[in-house]
Amino acid sequence: MTVTPKEATKLSRSEISQVKSLEIEIDKYLANNYNDSGKVYFSTSDNDISNDKVFTEIIRKYEKAGWKITNVSDREGDYLVFEPRRRK
């Protein structure tokens, strides 16, 4: 049986649990660190994002909620940069 793209991206129970846990952590971080002046850097080095499906789902959810998200890697670590999308 050939796997469809939808089936290939379907999250397992453990991945869903990880997404929910990360959402709680990111929400708390954004609530404590966003002050309407620009970008918020959330360290993914400190958080175990175990696979691409979890990472993609987190980005999808926050982009749908109105954030522009950039993945940044440098000598100091790996980050998701959250920036509100400006309405036109």
N, C-alpha and C. Protein backbone atom coordinates (compact mmCIF):
# COMPACT_ATOMS: atom_id res chain seq x y z
N MET A 1 0.83 -1.18 0.00
CA MET A 1 0.00 0.00 0.00
C MET A 1 0.88 1.25 0.00
N THR A 2 0.59 2.17 -0.86
CA THR A 2 1.35 3.40 -0.97
C THR A 2 0.85 4.42 0.06
N VAL A 3 1.78 5.05 0.74
CA VAL A 3 1.44 6.05 1.75
C VAL A 3 1.14 7.38 1.07
N THR A 4 0.06 8.01 1.48
CA THR A 4 -0.29 9.33 0.95
C THR A 4 0.46 10.40 1.74
N PRO A 5 0.60 11.60 1.18
CA PRO A 5 1.24 12.68 1.94
C PRO A 5 0.55 12.95 3.28
N LYS A 6 -0.77 12.88 3.30
CA LYS A 6 -1.51 13.12 4.54
C LYS A 6 -1.16 12.07 5.59
N GLU A 7 -1.10 10.81 5.18
CA GLU A 7 -0.74 9.74 6.11
C GLU A 7 0.71 9.87 6.58
N ALA A 8 1.58 10.30 5.70
CA ALA A 8 3.00 10.42 6.04
C ALA A 8 3.25 11.51 7.07
N THR A 9 2.41 12.54 7.08
CA THR A 9 2.62 13.64 8.02
C THR A 9 1.76 13.52 9.28
N LYS A 10 0.96 12.47 9.37
CA LYS A 10 0.11 12.27 10.55
C LYS A 10 1.00 12.02 11.77
N LEU A 11 0.68 12.71 12.87
CA LEU A 11 1.47 12.60 14.08
C LEU A 11 1.05 11.39 14.91
N SER A 12 2.03 10.77 15.54
CA SER A 12 1.75 9.67 16.47
C SER A 12 1.27 10.27 17.80
N ARG A 13 0.82 9.43 18.70
CA ARG A 13 0.37 9.91 20.02
C ARG A 13 1.50 10.59 20.78
N SER A 14 2.68 10.02 20.73
CA SER A 14 3.81 10.62 21.45
C SER A 14 4.20 11.97 20.82
N GLU A 15 4.10 12.07 19.50
CA GLU A 15 4.39 13.34 18.84
C GLU A 15 3.34 14.39 19.18
N ILE A 16 2.07 13.99 19.24
CA ILE A 16 1.01 14.92 19.64
C ILE A 16 1.25 15.41 21.06
N SER A 17 1.64 14.51 21.93
CA SER A 17 1.95 14.88 23.31
C SER A 17 3.11 15.86 23.38
N GLN A 18 4.12 15.64 22.56
CA GLN A 18 5.27 16.53 22.53
C GLN A 18 4.88 17.91 22.00
N VAL A 19 4.03 17.96 20.97
CA VAL A 19 3.57 19.23 20.42
C VAL A 19 2.81 20.01 21.50
N LYS A 20 1.91 19.34 22.22
CA LYS A 20 1.13 20.01 23.26
C LYS A 20 2.02 20.54 24.37
N SER A 21 3.00 19.75 24.77
CA SER A 21 3.93 20.17 25.82
C SER A 21 4.74 21.39 25.37
N LEU A 22 5.23 21.35 24.14
CA LEU A 22 6.00 22.49 23.60
C LEU A 22 5.13 23.73 23.46
N GLU A 23 3.88 23.56 23.04
CA GLU A 23 2.97 24.69 22.93
C GLU A 23 2.81 25.41 24.26
N ILE A 24 2.64 24.64 25.33
CA ILE A 24 2.50 25.23 26.66
C ILE A 24 3.75 26.01 27.02
N GLU A 25 4.90 25.41 26.77
CA GLU A 25 6.18 26.06 27.08
C GLU A 25 6.38 27.34 26.25
N ILE A 26 6.09 27.26 24.96
CA ILE A 26 6.25 28.42 24.07
C ILE A 26 5.26 29.51 24.46
N ASP A 27 4.01 29.14 24.74
CA ASP A 27 3.01 30.13 25.14
C ASP A 27 3.44 30.89 26.38
N LYS A 28 3.93 30.17 27.39
CA LYS A 28 4.41 30.82 28.61
C LYS A 28 5.58 31.75 28.30
N TYR A 29 6.50 31.27 27.47
CA TYR A 29 7.67 32.07 27.13
C TYR A 29 7.26 33.35 26.39
N LEU A 30 6.36 33.22 25.42
CA LEU A 30 5.90 34.40 24.68
C LEU A 30 5.16 35.37 25.61
N ALA A 31 4.32 34.85 26.49
CA ALA A 31 3.57 35.70 27.42
C ALA A 31 4.51 36.48 28.34
N ASN A 32 5.62 35.87 28.72
CA ASN A 32 6.56 36.53 29.63
C ASN A 32 7.59 37.41 28.93
N ASN A 33 7.82 37.20 27.64
CA ASN A 33 8.92 37.89 26.97
C ASN A 33 8.54 38.79 25.81
N TYR A 34 7.31 38.71 25.32
CA TYR A 34 6.91 39.57 24.20
C TYR A 34 6.36 40.87 24.74
N ASN A 35 6.88 41.99 24.22
CA ASN A 35 6.44 43.30 24.70
C ASN A 35 6.05 44.23 23.56
N ASP A 36 5.61 43.69 22.46
CA ASP A 36 5.12 44.47 21.32
C ASP A 36 6.21 45.31 20.65
N SER A 37 7.46 45.00 20.94
CA SER A 37 8.53 45.79 20.33
C SER A 37 9.31 45.03 19.26
N GLY A 38 8.91 43.81 18.98
CA GLY A 38 9.63 43.10 17.93
C GLY A 38 9.67 41.61 18.10
N LYS A 39 10.87 41.08 18.11
CA LYS A 39 11.09 39.64 18.02
C LYS A 39 11.30 39.01 19.39
N VAL A 40 10.94 37.72 19.47
CA VAL A 40 11.21 36.92 20.66
C VAL A 40 11.98 35.69 20.21
N TYR A 41 13.09 35.40 20.88
CA TYR A 41 13.93 34.26 20.54
C TYR A 41 13.66 33.13 21.53
N PHE A 42 13.15 32.01 21.04
CA PHE A 42 12.86 30.84 21.86
C PHE A 42 13.91 29.77 21.55
N SER A 43 14.68 29.38 22.55
CA SER A 43 15.75 28.41 22.33
C SER A 43 15.20 27.01 22.11
N THR A 44 15.57 26.43 20.99
CA THR A 44 15.21 25.03 20.75
C THR A 44 16.36 24.11 21.17
N SER A 45 17.51 24.70 21.52
CA SER A 45 18.63 23.91 22.03
C SER A 45 18.27 23.34 23.39
N ASP A 46 17.50 24.11 24.17
CA ASP A 46 17.11 23.70 25.52
C ASP A 46 15.90 22.78 25.51
N ASN A 47 15.24 22.66 24.39
CA ASN A 47 14.02 21.87 24.28
C ASN A 47 14.23 20.75 23.28
N ASP A 48 13.75 19.59 23.64
CA ASP A 48 13.94 18.42 22.78
C ASP A 48 12.84 18.34 21.74
N ILE A 49 13.12 18.86 20.56
CA ILE A 49 12.20 18.70 19.44
C ILE A 49 12.76 17.53 18.65
N SER A 50 12.14 16.36 18.85
CA SER A 50 12.76 15.11 18.41
C SER A 50 12.71 14.84 16.92
N ASN A 51 11.77 15.44 16.21
CA ASN A 51 11.72 15.13 14.78
C ASN A 51 11.09 16.26 13.97
N ASP A 52 11.21 16.13 12.68
CA ASP A 52 10.73 17.18 11.77
C ASP A 52 9.22 17.35 11.80
N LYS A 53 8.48 16.28 12.03
CA LYS A 53 7.02 16.40 12.06
C LYS A 53 6.56 17.26 13.23
N VAL A 54 7.17 17.09 14.39
CA VAL A 54 6.84 17.91 15.56
C VAL A 54 7.22 19.36 15.29
N PHE A 55 8.41 19.56 14.77
CA PHE A 55 8.91 20.90 14.45
C PHE A 55 7.98 21.59 13.44
N THR A 56 7.60 20.88 12.39
CA THR A 56 6.72 21.43 11.36
C THR A 56 5.35 21.78 11.93
N GLU A 57 4.82 20.93 12.79
CA GLU A 57 3.50 21.18 13.39
C GLU A 57 3.53 22.41 14.30
N ILE A 58 4.59 22.57 15.07
CA ILE A 58 4.72 23.76 15.93
C ILE A 58 4.74 25.01 15.07
N ILE A 59 5.54 25.02 14.03
CA ILE A 59 5.63 26.19 13.15
C ILE A 59 4.27 26.46 12.49
N ARG A 60 3.61 25.42 12.01
CA ARG A 60 2.30 25.58 11.36
C ARG A 60 1.28 26.22 12.30
N LYS A 61 1.22 25.75 13.53
CA LYS A 61 0.25 26.27 14.49
C LYS A 61 0.50 27.73 14.82
N TYR A 62 1.75 28.11 15.03
CA TYR A 62 2.03 29.49 15.40
C TYR A 62 1.91 30.44 14.21
N GLU A 63 2.24 29.97 13.02
CA GLU A 63 2.02 30.81 11.83
C GLU A 63 0.53 31.04 11.61
N LYS A 64 -0.27 30.01 11.85
CA LYS A 64 -1.72 30.15 11.73
C LYS A 64 -2.26 31.14 12.76
N ALA A 65 -1.61 31.21 13.91
CA ALA A 65 -2.03 32.12 14.99
C ALA A 65 -1.55 33.56 14.76
N GLY A 66 -0.78 33.80 13.70
CA GLY A 66 -0.38 35.17 13.39
C GLY A 66 1.08 35.52 13.61
N TRP A 67 1.90 34.53 13.88
CA TRP A 67 3.32 34.78 14.07
C TRP A 67 4.09 34.45 12.80
N LYS A 68 5.12 35.23 12.53
CA LYS A 68 6.11 34.89 11.50
C LYS A 68 7.22 34.19 12.27
N ILE A 69 7.61 33.00 11.82
CA ILE A 69 8.61 32.23 12.55
C ILE A 69 9.80 31.95 11.65
N THR A 70 10.98 32.19 12.20
CA THR A 70 12.22 31.92 11.51
C THR A 70 13.04 30.98 12.37
N ASN A 71 13.65 29.99 11.75
CA ASN A 71 14.52 29.06 12.45
C ASN A 71 15.96 29.55 12.29
N VAL A 72 16.64 29.80 13.41
CA VAL A 72 17.99 30.34 13.38
C VAL A 72 18.94 29.40 14.11
N SER A 73 20.08 29.12 13.50
CA SER A 73 21.14 28.34 14.15
C SER A 73 22.42 29.15 14.09
N ASP A 74 23.07 29.29 15.24
CA ASP A 74 24.37 29.96 15.26
C ASP A 74 25.24 29.30 16.33
N ARG A 75 26.39 29.91 16.62
CA ARG A 75 27.31 29.32 17.60
C ARG A 75 26.70 29.22 18.99
N GLU A 76 25.76 30.10 19.28
CA GLU A 76 25.16 30.12 20.61
C GLU A 76 24.01 29.13 20.76
N GLY A 77 23.53 28.57 19.66
CA GLY A 77 22.46 27.59 19.76
C GLY A 77 21.47 27.68 18.62
N ASP A 78 20.36 27.01 18.81
CA ASP A 78 19.28 26.98 17.83
C ASP A 78 18.06 27.68 18.42
N TYR A 79 17.40 28.50 17.60
CA TYR A 79 16.28 29.31 18.07
C TYR A 79 15.14 29.33 17.07
N LEU A 80 13.93 29.50 17.59
CA LEU A 80 12.80 29.90 16.78
C LEU A 80 12.59 31.37 17.10
N VAL A 81 12.56 32.19 16.07
CA VAL A 81 12.35 33.62 16.25
C VAL A 81 10.89 33.91 15.93
N PHE A 82 10.17 34.41 16.93
CA PHE A 82 8.75 34.74 16.78
C PHE A 82 8.62 36.24 16.57
N GLU A 83 7.94 36.61 15.52
CA GLU A 83 7.71 38.01 15.19
C GLU A 83 6.25 38.13 14.73
N PRO A 84 5.49 39.07 15.30
CA PRO A 84 4.09 39.18 14.87
C PRO A 84 4.01 39.61 13.42
N ARG A 85 3.07 39.02 12.69
CA ARG A 85 2.84 39.46 11.31
C ARG A 85 2.08 40.76 11.36
N ARG A 86 2.51 41.69 10.57
CA ARG A 86 1.84 42.99 10.50
C ARG A 86 0.70 42.91 9.52
N ARG A 87 -0.43 43.41 9.91
CA ARG A 87 -1.58 43.42 9.01
C ARG A 87 -1.48 44.59 8.07
N LYS A 88 -1.92 44.35 6.85
CA LYS A 88 -1.83 45.39 5.82
C LYS A 88 -3.06 46.25 5.82
